[in-house]
Amino acid sequence: GYWRKWQAQALATPGAFAQNPSLVWEFYHYRREVIQRVEPN
């Protein structure tokens, strides 16, 4: 359950965003793009 070398719990925090907003936005950009391509099952 990793994105790159990170678990979601390490990136989905206020502290992670304050320290590295670029990395956190990359993670959420990836997730947004995946979700926009899929449909309800």
All heavy atoms as atom14 arrays in JSON, in Angstrom:
{
  "sequence": "GYWRKWQAQALATPGAFAQNPSLVWEFYHYRREVIQRVEPN",
  "atom14_mask": [
    [1, 1, 1, 1, 0, 0, 0, 0, 0, 0, 0, 0, 0, 0],
    [1, 1, 1, 1, 1, 1, 1, 1, 1, 1, 1, 1, 0, 0],
    [1, 1, 1, 1, 1, 1, 1, 1, 1, 1, 1, 1, 1, 1],
    [1, 1, 1, 1, 1, 1, 1, 1, 1, 1, 1, 0, 0, 0],
    [1, 1, 1, 1, 1, 1, 1, 1, 1, 0, 0, 0, 0, 0],
    [1, 1, 1, 1, 1, 1, 1, 1, 1, 1, 1, 1, 1, 1],
    [1, 1, 1, 1, 1, 1, 1, 1, 1, 0, 0, 0, 0, 0],
    [1, 1, 1, 1, 1, 0, 0, 0, 0, 0, 0, 0, 0, 0],
    [1, 1, 1, 1, 1, 1, 1, 1, 1, 0, 0, 0, 0, 0],
    [1, 1, 1, 1, 1, 0, 0, 0, 0, 0, 0, 0, 0, 0],
    [1, 1, 1, 1, 1, 1, 1, 1, 0, 0, 0, 0, 0, 0],
    [1, 1, 1, 1, 1, 0, 0, 0, 0, 0, 0, 0, 0, 0],
    [1, 1, 1, 1, 1, 1, 1, 0, 0, 0, 0, 0, 0, 0],
    [1, 1, 1, 1, 1, 1, 1, 0, 0, 0, 0, 0, 0, 0],
    [1, 1, 1, 1, 0, 0, 0, 0, 0, 0, 0, 0, 0, 0],
    [1, 1, 1, 1, 1, 0, 0, 0, 0, 0, 0, 0, 0, 0],
    [1, 1, 1, 1, 1, 1, 1, 1, 1, 1, 1, 0, 0, 0],
    [1, 1, 1, 1, 1, 0, 0, 0, 0, 0, 0, 0, 0, 0],
    [1, 1, 1, 1, 1, 1, 1, 1, 1, 0, 0, 0, 0, 0],
    [1, 1, 1, 1, 1, 1, 1, 1, 0, 0, 0, 0, 0, 0],
    [1, 1, 1, 1, 1, 1, 1, 0, 0, 0, 0, 0, 0, 0],
    [1, 1, 1, 1, 1, 1, 0, 0, 0, 0, 0, 0, 0, 0],
    [1, 1, 1, 1, 1, 1, 1, 1, 0, 0, 0, 0, 0, 0],
    [1, 1, 1, 1, 1, 1, 1, 0, 0, 0, 0, 0, 0, 0],
    [1, 1, 1, 1, 1, 1, 1, 1, 1, 1, 1, 1, 1, 1],
    [1, 1, 1, 1, 1, 1, 1, 1, 1, 0, 0, 0, 0, 0],
    [1, 1, 1, 1, 1, 1, 1, 1, 1, 1, 1, 0, 0, 0],
    [1, 1, 1, 1, 1, 1, 1, 1, 1, 1, 1, 1, 0, 0],
    [1, 1, 1, 1, 1, 1, 1, 1, 1, 1, 0, 0, 0, 0],
    [1, 1, 1, 1, 1, 1, 1, 1, 1, 1, 1, 1, 0, 0],
    [1, 1, 1, 1, 1, 1, 1, 1, 1, 1, 1, 0, 0, 0],
    [1, 1, 1, 1, 1, 1, 1, 1, 1, 1, 1, 0, 0, 0],
    [1, 1, 1, 1, 1, 1, 1, 1, 1, 0, 0, 0, 0, 0],
    [1, 1, 1, 1, 1, 1, 1, 0, 0, 0, 0, 0, 0, 0],
    [1, 1, 1, 1, 1, 1, 1, 1, 0, 0, 0, 0, 0, 0],
    [1, 1, 1, 1, 1, 1, 1, 1, 1, 0, 0, 0, 0, 0],
    [1, 1, 1, 1, 1, 1, 1, 1, 1, 1, 1, 0, 0, 0],
    [1, 1, 1, 1, 1, 1, 1, 0, 0, 0, 0, 0, 0, 0],
    [1, 1, 1, 1, 1, 1, 1, 1, 1, 0, 0, 0, 0, 0],
    [1, 1, 1, 1, 1, 1, 1, 0, 0, 0, 0, 0, 0, 0],
    [1, 1, 1, 1, 1, 1, 1, 1, 0, 0, 0, 0, 0, 0]
  ],
  "atom14_positions": [
    [[0.8, -1.21, 0.0], [0.0, 0.0, 0.0], [0.83, 1.26, 0.0], [0.69, 2.11, 0.89], [0.0, 0.0, 0.0], [0.0, 0.0, 0.0], [0.0, 0.0, 0.0], [0.0, 0.0, 0.0], [0.0, 0.0, 0.0], [0.0, 0.0, 0.0], [0.0, 0.0, 0.0], [0.0, 0.0, 0.0], [0.0, 0.0, 0.0], [0.0, 0.0, 0.0]],
    [[1.69, 1.38, -0.99], [2.6, 2.53, -1.05], [2.38, 3.34, -2.32], [2.02, 2.81, -3.37], [4.06, 2.07, -1.02], [4.53, 1.59, 0.34], [4.24, 0.3, 0.79], [5.26, 2.42, 1.17], [4.67, -0.14, 2.02], [5.7, 2.0, 2.42], [5.4, 0.72, 2.84], [5.82, 0.29, 4.06], [0.0, 0.0, 0.0], [0.0, 0.0, 0.0]],
    [[2.64, 4.64, -2.21], [2.82, 5.52, -3.36], [4.29, 5.94, -3.3], [4.72, 6.56, -2.33], [1.89, 6.73, -3.26], [2.08, 7.73, -4.37], [1.56, 7.7, -5.63], [2.85, 8.95, -4.29], [1.96, 8.8, -6.34], [2.75, 9.59, -5.54], [3.61, 9.56, -3.29], [3.38, 10.81, -5.81], [4.24, 10.76, -3.56], [4.12, 11.37, -4.81]],
    [[5.02, 5.55, -4.33], [6.48, 5.66, -4.29], [6.97, 4.93, -3.04], [6.67, 3.76, -2.88], [6.92, 7.13, -4.35], [6.55, 7.8, -5.67], [7.0, 9.23, -5.79], [6.48, 9.81, -7.02], [6.53, 11.09, -7.34], [7.11, 11.95, -6.49], [6.02, 11.53, -8.48], [0.0, 0.0, 0.0], [0.0, 0.0, 0.0], [0.0, 0.0, 0.0]],
    [[7.68, 5.58, -2.17], [8.15, 4.9, -0.96], [7.32, 5.29, 0.26], [7.66, 4.95, 1.4], [9.62, 5.24, -0.7], [9.88, 6.73, -0.46], [11.36, 6.99, -0.23], [11.63, 8.48, 0.01], [13.07, 8.75, 0.24], [0.0, 0.0, 0.0], [0.0, 0.0, 0.0], [0.0, 0.0, 0.0], [0.0, 0.0, 0.0], [0.0, 0.0, 0.0]],
    [[6.22, 5.98, 0.01], [5.43, 6.53, 1.1], [4.11, 5.78, 1.28], [3.46, 5.4, 0.33], [5.11, 8.0, 0.82], [6.29, 8.85, 0.5], [6.76, 9.18, -0.74], [7.16, 9.47, 1.43], [7.87, 9.98, -0.63], [8.15, 10.17, 0.69], [7.22, 9.51, 2.83], [9.17, 10.9, 1.29], [8.23, 10.23, 3.44], [9.18, 10.92, 2.68]],
    [[3.72, 5.6, 2.54], [2.37, 5.18, 2.85], [1.49, 6.41, 2.97], [1.96, 7.5, 3.29], [2.33, 4.38, 4.15], [2.92, 2.97, 4.03], [2.63, 2.14, 5.25], [2.93, 2.53, 6.37], [2.04, 0.97, 5.04], [0.0, 0.0, 0.0], [0.0, 0.0, 0.0], [0.0, 0.0, 0.0], [0.0, 0.0, 0.0], [0.0, 0.0, 0.0]],
    [[0.2, 6.22, 2.68], [-0.72, 7.36, 2.71], [-0.69, 8.09, 4.04], [-0.78, 9.33, 4.09], [-2.13, 6.88, 2.39], [0.0, 0.0, 0.0], [0.0, 0.0, 0.0], [0.0, 0.0, 0.0], [0.0, 0.0, 0.0], [0.0, 0.0, 0.0], [0.0, 0.0, 0.0], [0.0, 0.0, 0.0], [0.0, 0.0, 0.0], [0.0, 0.0, 0.0]],
    [[-0.54, 7.34, 5.14], [-0.56, 7.95, 6.46], [0.58, 8.95, 6.65], [0.48, 9.87, 7.47], [-0.48, 6.88, 7.55], [-1.67, 5.96, 7.59], [-1.46, 4.7, 6.77], [-0.91, 4.76, 5.67], [-1.88, 3.57, 7.3], [0.0, 0.0, 0.0], [0.0, 0.0, 0.0], [0.0, 0.0, 0.0], [0.0, 0.0, 0.0], [0.0, 0.0, 0.0]],
    [[1.66, 8.78, 5.88], [2.79, 9.7, 6.0], [2.59, 10.98, 5.21], [3.2, 12.01, 5.53], [4.07, 9.0, 5.52], [0.0, 0.0, 0.0], [0.0, 0.0, 0.0], [0.0, 0.0, 0.0], [0.0, 0.0, 0.0], [0.0, 0.0, 0.0], [0.0, 0.0, 0.0], [0.0, 0.0, 0.0], [0.0, 0.0, 0.0], [0.0, 0.0, 0.0]],
    [[1.72, 10.94, 4.19], [1.51, 12.11, 3.34], [0.21, 12.85, 3.66], [0.12, 14.05, 3.41], [1.5, 11.68, 1.87], [2.79, 11.07, 1.33], [2.6, 10.57, -0.09], [3.94, 12.09, 1.38], [0.0, 0.0, 0.0], [0.0, 0.0, 0.0], [0.0, 0.0, 0.0], [0.0, 0.0, 0.0], [0.0, 0.0, 0.0], [0.0, 0.0, 0.0]],
    [[-0.76, 12.13, 4.17], [-2.08, 12.72, 4.44], [-2.12, 13.32, 5.83], [-2.94, 12.94, 6.68], [-3.18, 11.68, 4.25], [0.0, 0.0, 0.0], [0.0, 0.0, 0.0], [0.0, 0.0, 0.0], [0.0, 0.0, 0.0], [0.0, 0.0, 0.0], [0.0, 0.0, 0.0], [0.0, 0.0, 0.0], [0.0, 0.0, 0.0], [0.0, 0.0, 0.0]],
    [[-1.25, 14.28, 6.06], [-1.18, 14.96, 7.36], [-0.92, 16.45, 7.15], [-0.28, 16.83, 6.16], [-0.06, 14.4, 8.26], [1.21, 14.79, 7.72], [-0.12, 12.88, 8.36], [0.0, 0.0, 0.0], [0.0, 0.0, 0.0], [0.0, 0.0, 0.0], [0.0, 0.0, 0.0], [0.0, 0.0, 0.0], [0.0, 0.0, 0.0], [0.0, 0.0, 0.0]],
    [[-1.37, 17.29, 8.07], [-1.06, 18.72, 7.98], [0.44, 18.97, 8.01], [0.95, 19.85, 7.31], [-1.75, 19.32, 9.2], [-2.81, 18.34, 9.59], [-2.25, 16.99, 9.22], [0.0, 0.0, 0.0], [0.0, 0.0, 0.0], [0.0, 0.0, 0.0], [0.0, 0.0, 0.0], [0.0, 0.0, 0.0], [0.0, 0.0, 0.0], [0.0, 0.0, 0.0]],
    [[1.17, 18.17, 8.81], [2.61, 18.36, 8.91], [3.33, 18.07, 7.61], [4.25, 18.8, 7.22], [0.0, 0.0, 0.0], [0.0, 0.0, 0.0], [0.0, 0.0, 0.0], [0.0, 0.0, 0.0], [0.0, 0.0, 0.0], [0.0, 0.0, 0.0], [0.0, 0.0, 0.0], [0.0, 0.0, 0.0], [0.0, 0.0, 0.0], [0.0, 0.0, 0.0]],
    [[2.9, 17.02, 6.91], [3.52, 16.69, 5.62], [3.28, 17.8, 4.62], [4.19, 18.15, 3.84], [2.97, 15.37, 5.11], [0.0, 0.0, 0.0], [0.0, 0.0, 0.0], [0.0, 0.0, 0.0], [0.0, 0.0, 0.0], [0.0, 0.0, 0.0], [0.0, 0.0, 0.0], [0.0, 0.0, 0.0], [0.0, 0.0, 0.0], [0.0, 0.0, 0.0]],
    [[2.07, 18.37, 4.62], [1.77, 19.44, 3.68], [2.56, 20.69, 3.99], [3.06, 21.38, 3.08], [0.27, 19.74, 3.71], [-0.18, 20.68, 2.63], [-0.24, 20.28, 1.31], [-0.56, 21.98, 2.94], [-0.65, 21.14, 0.3], [-0.98, 22.86, 1.95], [-1.03, 22.44, 0.63], [0.0, 0.0, 0.0], [0.0, 0.0, 0.0], [0.0, 0.0, 0.0]],
    [[2.71, 21.0, 5.27], [3.5, 22.17, 5.66], [4.96, 22.02, 5.28], [5.62, 22.98, 4.85], [3.36, 22.41, 7.17], [0.0, 0.0, 0.0], [0.0, 0.0, 0.0], [0.0, 0.0, 0.0], [0.0, 0.0, 0.0], [0.0, 0.0, 0.0], [0.0, 0.0, 0.0], [0.0, 0.0, 0.0], [0.0, 0.0, 0.0], [0.0, 0.0, 0.0]],
    [[5.49, 20.79, 5.41], [6.89, 20.54, 5.14], [7.18, 20.42, 3.64], [8.21, 20.91, 3.15], [7.34, 19.27, 5.85], [8.81, 18.94, 5.66], [9.22, 17.7, 6.44], [8.42, 17.11, 7.16], [10.47, 17.3, 6.31], [0.0, 0.0, 0.0], [0.0, 0.0, 0.0], [0.0, 0.0, 0.0], [0.0, 0.0, 0.0], [0.0, 0.0, 0.0]],
    [[6.27, 19.77, 2.9], [6.53, 19.52, 1.48], [5.21, 19.53, 0.7], [4.72, 18.48, 0.29], [7.26, 18.18, 1.3], [7.89, 18.03, -0.08], [7.47, 18.7, -1.03], [8.85, 17.13, -0.2], [0.0, 0.0, 0.0], [0.0, 0.0, 0.0], [0.0, 0.0, 0.0], [0.0, 0.0, 0.0], [0.0, 0.0, 0.0], [0.0, 0.0, 0.0]],
    [[4.65, 20.7, 0.48], [3.35, 20.76, -0.25], [3.45, 20.22, -1.67], [2.46, 19.7, -2.19], [3.0, 22.25, -0.23], [4.29, 22.96, -0.01], [5.11, 22.04, 0.86], [0.0, 0.0, 0.0], [0.0, 0.0, 0.0], [0.0, 0.0, 0.0], [0.0, 0.0, 0.0], [0.0, 0.0, 0.0], [0.0, 0.0, 0.0], [0.0, 0.0, 0.0]],
    [[4.62, 20.33, -2.31], [4.78, 19.79, -3.66], [4.58, 18.28, -3.67], [3.85, 17.75, -4.52], [6.17, 20.14, -4.2], [6.4, 19.48, -5.43], [0.0, 0.0, 0.0], [0.0, 0.0, 0.0], [0.0, 0.0, 0.0], [0.0, 0.0, 0.0], [0.0, 0.0, 0.0], [0.0, 0.0, 0.0], [0.0, 0.0, 0.0], [0.0, 0.0, 0.0]],
    [[5.2, 17.57, -2.74], [5.08, 16.12, -2.68], [3.65, 15.69, -2.4], [3.12, 14.78, -3.04], [6.02, 15.56, -1.61], [6.05, 14.04, -1.48], [6.64, 13.39, -2.72], [6.84, 13.62, -0.22], [0.0, 0.0, 0.0], [0.0, 0.0, 0.0], [0.0, 0.0, 0.0], [0.0, 0.0, 0.0], [0.0, 0.0, 0.0], [0.0, 0.0, 0.0]],
    [[3.0, 16.37, -1.45], [1.62, 16.02, -1.11], [0.69, 16.29, -2.3], [-0.18, 15.47, -2.6], [1.16, 16.8, 0.14], [-0.33, 16.57, 0.41], [1.98, 16.38, 1.36], [0.0, 0.0, 0.0], [0.0, 0.0, 0.0], [0.0, 0.0, 0.0], [0.0, 0.0, 0.0], [0.0, 0.0, 0.0], [0.0, 0.0, 0.0], [0.0, 0.0, 0.0]],
    [[0.89, 17.39, -3.0], [0.05, 17.66, -4.16], [0.32, 16.67, -5.3], [-0.6, 16.3, -6.02], [0.23, 19.1, -4.66], [-0.86, 20.0, -4.18], [-0.73, 21.13, -3.42], [-2.26, 19.86, -4.43], [-1.96, 21.69, -3.15], [-2.93, 20.93, -3.78], [-3.04, 18.93, -5.13], [-4.31, 21.09, -3.82], [-4.42, 19.09, -5.17], [-5.04, 20.15, -4.52]],
    [[1.56, 16.2, -5.45], [1.81, 15.14, -6.44], [1.0, 13.9, -6.11], [0.4, 13.27, -7.0], [3.3, 14.79, -6.46], [4.16, 15.63, -7.36], [5.44, 14.9, -7.71], [5.46, 14.17, -8.72], [6.42, 15.06, -6.95], [0.0, 0.0, 0.0], [0.0, 0.0, 0.0], [0.0, 0.0, 0.0], [0.0, 0.0, 0.0], [0.0, 0.0, 0.0]],
    [[0.99, 13.53, -4.83], [0.24, 12.35, -4.39], [-1.25, 12.51, -4.69], [-1.89, 11.6, -5.24], [0.49, 12.15, -2.89], [-0.33, 11.07, -2.25], [-0.29, 9.77, -2.72], [-1.14, 11.34, -1.15], [-1.04, 8.75, -2.11], [-1.9, 10.35, -0.54], [-1.85, 9.06, -1.03], [0.0, 0.0, 0.0], [0.0, 0.0, 0.0], [0.0, 0.0, 0.0]],
    [[-1.81, 13.68, -4.35], [-3.24, 13.88, -4.58], [-3.56, 14.09, -6.05], [-4.64, 13.7, -6.5], [-3.76, 15.02, -3.7], [-4.02, 14.55, -2.3], [-3.05, 14.66, -1.31], [-5.23, 13.92, -1.97], [-3.27, 14.18, -0.03], [-5.46, 13.43, -0.7], [-4.48, 13.56, 0.27], [-4.7, 13.06, 1.53], [0.0, 0.0, 0.0], [0.0, 0.0, 0.0]],
    [[-2.64, 14.66, -6.81], [-2.84, 14.76, -8.26], [-2.93, 13.36, -8.87], [-3.82, 13.1, -9.69], [-1.68, 15.54, -8.88], [-1.64, 15.46, -10.38], [-2.61, 16.01, -11.19], [-0.75, 14.86, -11.22], [-2.3, 15.78, -12.46], [-1.19, 15.07, -12.51], [0.0, 0.0, 0.0], [0.0, 0.0, 0.0], [0.0, 0.0, 0.0], [0.0, 0.0, 0.0]],
    [[-2.03, 12.46, -8.46], [-2.08, 11.08, -8.95], [-3.44, 10.46, -8.63], [-4.08, 9.84, -9.5], [-0.96, 10.26, -8.32], [-1.14, 8.77, -8.44], [-0.96, 8.12, -9.66], [-1.51, 8.0, -7.33], [-1.14, 6.75, -9.78], [-1.7, 6.64, -7.45], [-1.51, 6.01, -8.67], [-1.71, 4.65, -8.78], [0.0, 0.0, 0.0], [0.0, 0.0, 0.0]],
    [[-3.91, 10.63, -7.41], [-5.18, 10.03, -7.01], [-6.35, 10.65, -7.78], [-7.27, 9.94, -8.19], [-5.37, 10.2, -5.5], [-4.32, 9.48, -4.67], [-4.54, 9.65, -3.19], [-5.71, 8.92, -2.72], [-6.15, 8.96, -1.47], [-5.52, 9.7, -0.56], [-7.22, 8.27, -1.12], [0.0, 0.0, 0.0], [0.0, 0.0, 0.0], [0.0, 0.0, 0.0]],
    [[-6.34, 11.95, -7.97], [-7.39, 12.61, -8.73], [-7.46, 12.06, -10.16], [-8.55, 11.78, -10.67], [-7.14, 14.12, -8.78], [-7.48, 14.87, -7.5], [-6.92, 16.3, -7.54], [-7.44, 17.06, -8.68], [-8.47, 17.9, -8.62], [-9.12, 18.09, -7.48], [-8.85, 18.56, -9.7], [0.0, 0.0, 0.0], [0.0, 0.0, 0.0], [0.0, 0.0, 0.0]],
    [[-6.3, 11.9, -10.77], [-6.27, 11.43, -12.16], [-6.78, 9.99, -12.25], [-7.5, 9.64, -13.19], [-4.85, 11.53, -12.71], [-4.32, 12.96, -12.82], [-5.12, 13.8, -13.8], [-5.14, 13.45, -14.99], [-5.74, 14.81, -13.36], [0.0, 0.0, 0.0], [0.0, 0.0, 0.0], [0.0, 0.0, 0.0], [0.0, 0.0, 0.0], [0.0, 0.0, 0.0]],
    [[-6.41, 9.14, -11.3], [-6.9, 7.76, -11.28], [-8.42, 7.74, -11.13], [-9.13, 7.05, -11.87], [-6.23, 6.96, -10.15], [-6.94, 5.61, -9.95], [-4.75, 6.72, -10.44], [0.0, 0.0, 0.0], [0.0, 0.0, 0.0], [0.0, 0.0, 0.0], [0.0, 0.0, 0.0], [0.0, 0.0, 0.0], [0.0, 0.0, 0.0], [0.0, 0.0, 0.0]],
    [[-8.93, 8.5, -10.17], [-10.36, 8.49, -9.88], [-11.17, 9.02, -11.05], [-12.27, 8.52, -11.34], [-10.65, 9.29, -8.59], [-10.04, 8.56, -7.38], [-12.14, 9.48, -8.38], [-10.0, 9.39, -6.11], [0.0, 0.0, 0.0], [0.0, 0.0, 0.0], [0.0, 0.0, 0.0], [0.0, 0.0, 0.0], [0.0, 0.0, 0.0], [0.0, 0.0, 0.0]],
    [[-10.65, 10.03, -11.74], [-11.39, 10.59, -12.87], [-11.52, 9.61, -14.03], [-12.39, 9.78, -14.88], [-10.73, 11.89, -13.33], [-10.99, 13.05, -12.39], [-10.42, 14.36, -12.91], [-9.37, 14.4, -13.52], [-11.12, 15.45, -12.65], [0.0, 0.0, 0.0], [0.0, 0.0, 0.0], [0.0, 0.0, 0.0], [0.0, 0.0, 0.0], [0.0, 0.0, 0.0]],
    [[-10.69, 8.58, -14.04], [-10.73, 7.61, -15.14], [-11.63, 6.41, -14.85], [-11.86, 5.59, -15.73], [-9.32, 7.09, -15.45], [-8.39, 8.12, -16.05], [-7.15, 7.47, -16.64], [-6.36, 6.75, -15.66], [-5.32, 7.28, -15.0], [-4.96, 8.53, -15.23], [-4.65, 6.56, -14.12], [0.0, 0.0, 0.0], [0.0, 0.0, 0.0], [0.0, 0.0, 0.0]],
    [[-12.11, 6.27, -13.63], [-12.87, 5.07, -13.27], [-14.35, 5.38, -13.1], [-14.76, 6.54, -13.06], [-12.32, 4.42, -11.98], [-10.83, 4.13, -12.12], [-12.58, 5.31, -10.76], [0.0, 0.0, 0.0], [0.0, 0.0, 0.0], [0.0, 0.0, 0.0], [0.0, 0.0, 0.0], [0.0, 0.0, 0.0], [0.0, 0.0, 0.0], [0.0, 0.0, 0.0]],
    [[-15.14, 4.32, -12.98], [-16.58, 4.44, -12.83], [-17.03, 3.69, -11.57], [-16.33, 2.8, -11.08], [-17.29, 3.84, -14.05], [-17.01, 4.57, -15.36], [-17.57, 5.98, -15.38], [-18.57, 6.22, -14.67], [-16.99, 6.83, -16.07], [0.0, 0.0, 0.0], [0.0, 0.0, 0.0], [0.0, 0.0, 0.0], [0.0, 0.0, 0.0], [0.0, 0.0, 0.0]],
    [[-18.2, 4.03, -11.06], [-18.77, 3.25, -9.95], [-18.88, 1.78, -10.35], [-19.19, 1.46, -11.5], [-20.14, 3.88, -9.73], [-20.03, 5.25, -10.29], [-19.1, 5.15, -11.46], [0.0, 0.0, 0.0], [0.0, 0.0, 0.0], [0.0, 0.0, 0.0], [0.0, 0.0, 0.0], [0.0, 0.0, 0.0], [0.0, 0.0, 0.0], [0.0, 0.0, 0.0]],
    [[-18.64, 0.9, -9.41], [-18.72, -0.53, -9.68], [-20.07, -1.08, -9.21], [-20.9, -0.33, -8.67], [-17.54, -1.26, -9.03], [-17.57, -1.18, -7.52], [-18.51, -1.6, -6.86], [-16.51, -0.62, -6.93], [0.0, 0.0, 0.0], [0.0, 0.0, 0.0], [0.0, 0.0, 0.0], [0.0, 0.0, 0.0], [0.0, 0.0, 0.0], [0.0, 0.0, 0.0]]
  ]
}
